[in-house]
C-alpha atoms as a PDB file:
ATOM      1  CA  MET A   1      72.441 108.082 101.843  1.00  0.00           C
ATOM      2  CA  PHE A   2      74.894 109.029 104.570  1.00  0.00           C
ATOM      3  CA  ASN A   3      75.814 112.704 104.631  1.00  0.00           C
ATOM      4  CA  ASN A   4      79.353 114.039 104.365  1.00  0.00           C
ATOM      5  CA  SER A   5      79.440 115.485 107.878  1.00  0.00           C
ATOM      6  CA  GLY A   6      79.906 111.952 109.188  1.00  0.00           C
ATOM      7  CA  PHE A   7      82.930 111.492 106.985  1.00  0.00           C
ATOM      8  CA  MET A   8      84.223 114.883 108.099  1.00  0.00           C
ATOM      9  CA  GLU A   9      83.924 113.669 111.696  1.00  0.00           C
ATOM     10  CA  ALA A  10      85.819 110.467 110.841  1.00  0.00           C
ATOM     11  CA  ARG A  11      88.555 112.550 109.172  1.00  0.00           C
ATOM     12  CA  ARG A  12      88.768 114.737 112.286  1.00  0.00           C
ATOM     13  CA  MET A  13      89.255 111.638 114.431  1.00  0.00           C
ATOM     14  CA  ILE A  14      91.948 110.350 112.070  1.00  0.00           C
ATOM     15  CA  ASP A  15      93.681 113.753 112.057  1.00  0.00           C
ATOM     16  CA  ASN A  16      93.656 113.629 115.875  1.00  0.00           C
ATOM     17  CA  ARG A  17      95.108 110.102 115.796  1.00  0.00           C
ATOM     18  CA  GLU A  18      91.905 108.673 117.300  1.00  0.00           C
ATOM     19  CA  PHE A  19      92.101 105.695 114.956  1.00  0.00           C
ATOM     20  CA  ARG A  20      90.126 103.231 117.086  1.00  0.00           C
ATOM     21  CA  ASN A  21      87.300 105.762 117.524  1.00  0.00           C
ATOM     22  CA  ALA A  22      87.244 106.455 113.774  1.00  0.00           C
ATOM     23  CA  TYR A  23      87.275 102.733 112.993  1.00  0.00           C
ATOM     24  CA  ASN A  24      84.372 102.022 115.357  1.00  0.00           C
ATOM     25  CA  PHE A  25      82.441 105.081 114.144  1.00  0.00           C
ATOM     26  CA  LEU A  26      82.827 104.050 110.510  1.00  0.00           C
ATOM     27  CA  LYS A  27      81.704 100.489 111.281  1.00  0.00           C
ATOM     28  CA  SER A  28      78.334 101.948 112.325  1.00  0.00           C
ATOM     29  CA  ILE A  29      77.762 103.447 108.856  1.00  0.00           C
ATOM     30  CA  SER A  30      75.912 101.280 106.361  1.00  0.00           C
ATOM     31  CA  ASP A  31      76.574 103.429 103.244  1.00  0.00           C
ATOM     32  CA  LYS A  32      79.864 101.959 102.066  1.00  0.00           C
ATOM     33  CA  CYS A  33      81.040 104.313  99.336  1.00  0.00           C
ATOM     34  CA  ALA A  34      84.647 104.894  98.253  1.00  0.00           C
ATOM     35  CA  GLU A  35      85.140 107.482 101.012  1.00  0.00           C
ATOM     36  CA  TRP A  36      83.994 104.944 103.615  1.00  0.00           C
ATOM     37  CA  TYR A  37      86.460 102.355 102.331  1.00  0.00           C
ATOM     38  CA  TYR A  38      89.315 104.866 102.259  1.00  0.00           C
ATOM     39  CA  LEU A  39      88.733 106.195 105.786  1.00  0.00           C
ATOM     40  CA  SER A  40      88.094 102.708 107.157  1.00  0.00           C
ATOM     41  CA  GLY A  41      91.304 101.541 105.532  1.00  0.00           C
ATOM     42  CA  ILE A  42      93.375 104.336 107.033  1.00  0.00           C
ATOM     43  CA  SER A  43      91.920 103.796 110.503  1.00  0.00           C
ATOM     44  CA  ALA A  44      92.253  99.989 110.276  1.00  0.00           C
ATOM     45  CA  MET A  45      95.903 100.170 109.260  1.00  0.00           C
ATOM     46  CA  ASN A  46      96.711 102.528 112.096  1.00  0.00           C
ATOM     47  CA  ILE A  47      95.318 100.138 114.704  1.00  0.00           C
ATOM     48  CA  GLY A  48      97.200  97.202 113.249  1.00  0.00           C
ATOM     49  CA  TYR A  49      94.623  95.651 110.916  1.00  0.00           C
ATOM     50  CA  TYR A  50      96.959  95.868 107.924  1.00  0.00           C
ATOM     51  CA  GLU A  51      95.335  93.353 105.586  1.00  0.00           C
ATOM     52  CA  GLU A  52      91.856  94.748 106.170  1.00  0.00           C
ATOM     53  CA  GLY A  53      93.160  98.288 105.740  1.00  0.00           C
ATOM     54  CA  GLU A  54      94.956  97.438 102.520  1.00  0.00           C
ATOM     55  CA  ASP A  55      91.851  95.721 101.135  1.00  0.00           C
ATOM     56  CA  TYR A  56      89.694  98.746 101.968  1.00  0.00           C
ATOM     57  CA  ILE A  57      92.082 101.224 100.378  1.00  0.00           C
ATOM     58  CA  LYS A  58      92.370  99.053  97.265  1.00  0.00           C
ATOM     59  CA  ARG A  59      88.586  98.983  97.019  1.00  0.00           C
ATOM     60  CA  ALA A  60      88.350 102.772  97.412  1.00  0.00           C
ATOM     61  CA  ARG A  61      90.865 103.223  94.607  1.00  0.00           C
ATOM     62  CA  PHE A  62      89.029 100.687  92.438  1.00  0.00           C
ATOM     63  CA  MET A  63      85.750 102.552  92.991  1.00  0.00           C
ATOM     64  CA  GLU A  64      87.301 105.963  92.232  1.00  0.00           C
ATOM     65  CA  PRO A  65      90.517 105.379  90.253  1.00  0.00           C
ATOM     66  CA  GLU A  66      90.881 109.101  89.504  1.00  0.00           C
ATOM     67  CA  ASN A  67      91.009 110.025  93.207  1.00  0.00           C
ATOM     68  CA  LYS A  68      94.606 111.038  93.902  1.00  0.00           C
ATOM     69  CA  GLU A  69      94.229 110.771  97.691  1.00  0.00           C
ATOM     70  CA  TYR A  70      93.242 107.106  97.487  1.00  0.00           C
ATOM     71  CA  SER A  71      95.998 106.288  94.987  1.00  0.00           C
ATOM     72  CA  LYS A  72      98.625 108.061  97.066  1.00  0.00           C
ATOM     73  CA  ALA A  73      97.575 106.213 100.226  1.00  0.00           C
ATOM     74  CA  LEU A  74      97.856 102.854  98.486  1.00  0.00           C
ATOM     75  CA  ASP A  75     101.205 103.789  96.925  1.00  0.00           C
ATOM     76  CA  ASN A  76     102.538 104.927 100.314  1.00  0.00           C
ATOM     77  CA  TYR A  77     101.441 101.687 101.955  1.00  0.00           C
ATOM     78  CA  THR A  78     102.961  99.590  99.168  1.00  0.00           C
ATOM     79  CA  GLN A  79     106.290 101.443  99.477  1.00  0.00           C
ATOM     80  CA  TYR A  80     106.246 101.153 103.275  1.00  0.00           C
ATOM     81  CA  ARG A  81     105.566  97.437 103.159  1.00  0.00           C
END
């Protein structure tokens, strides 16, 4: 299983607005858990892959419906759209 430091690195890239780097980094990870889908969704949306990003965030929320971060991201996207 992939360790959390990789996801911390992806979050750092996203925080630094390095969305393409985060997207490419996450694509190299084979362990696709809810965190992977959430971070991939955020990075995809910020480089213009809106449908892919929305699908990933929906999947993250489906996998962990109690996660407030995932729900908020999907709600924000839905309101923005």
